[in-house]
Amino acid sequence: MDIKVLGMGCANCEKLERMVFNALAELNIDANVQKVQDIPEIMKYGVMSTPGLVINEKVVLSGRVPSKAELEKIILEHANQ
């Protein structure tokens, strides 16, 4: 599973990145996590508001930080695809 956290370094972007690492550890799921801070690269995903979360090249969240439960649900939904 490939996960990208889209954001230019704002507090919410940093928070989402930490939450992704924590959720992966708690769920015991291996994933390649990449932080994308390049604006043109972020725009390629059509994300107009950060933070954004991309799993396996699909935008699954943008413009907000999810709850821990919501993030874990999103990750689990994409873990076996």
Foldseek 3Di string as FASTA:
>chain_A
DEKEWEEQDDPQSVVQVVLLVVLCVVVVADYHYYYDNDVVVVVVQVAPADGWMADPNHTDDGHGRDDSVVSNVVCVVRRVD
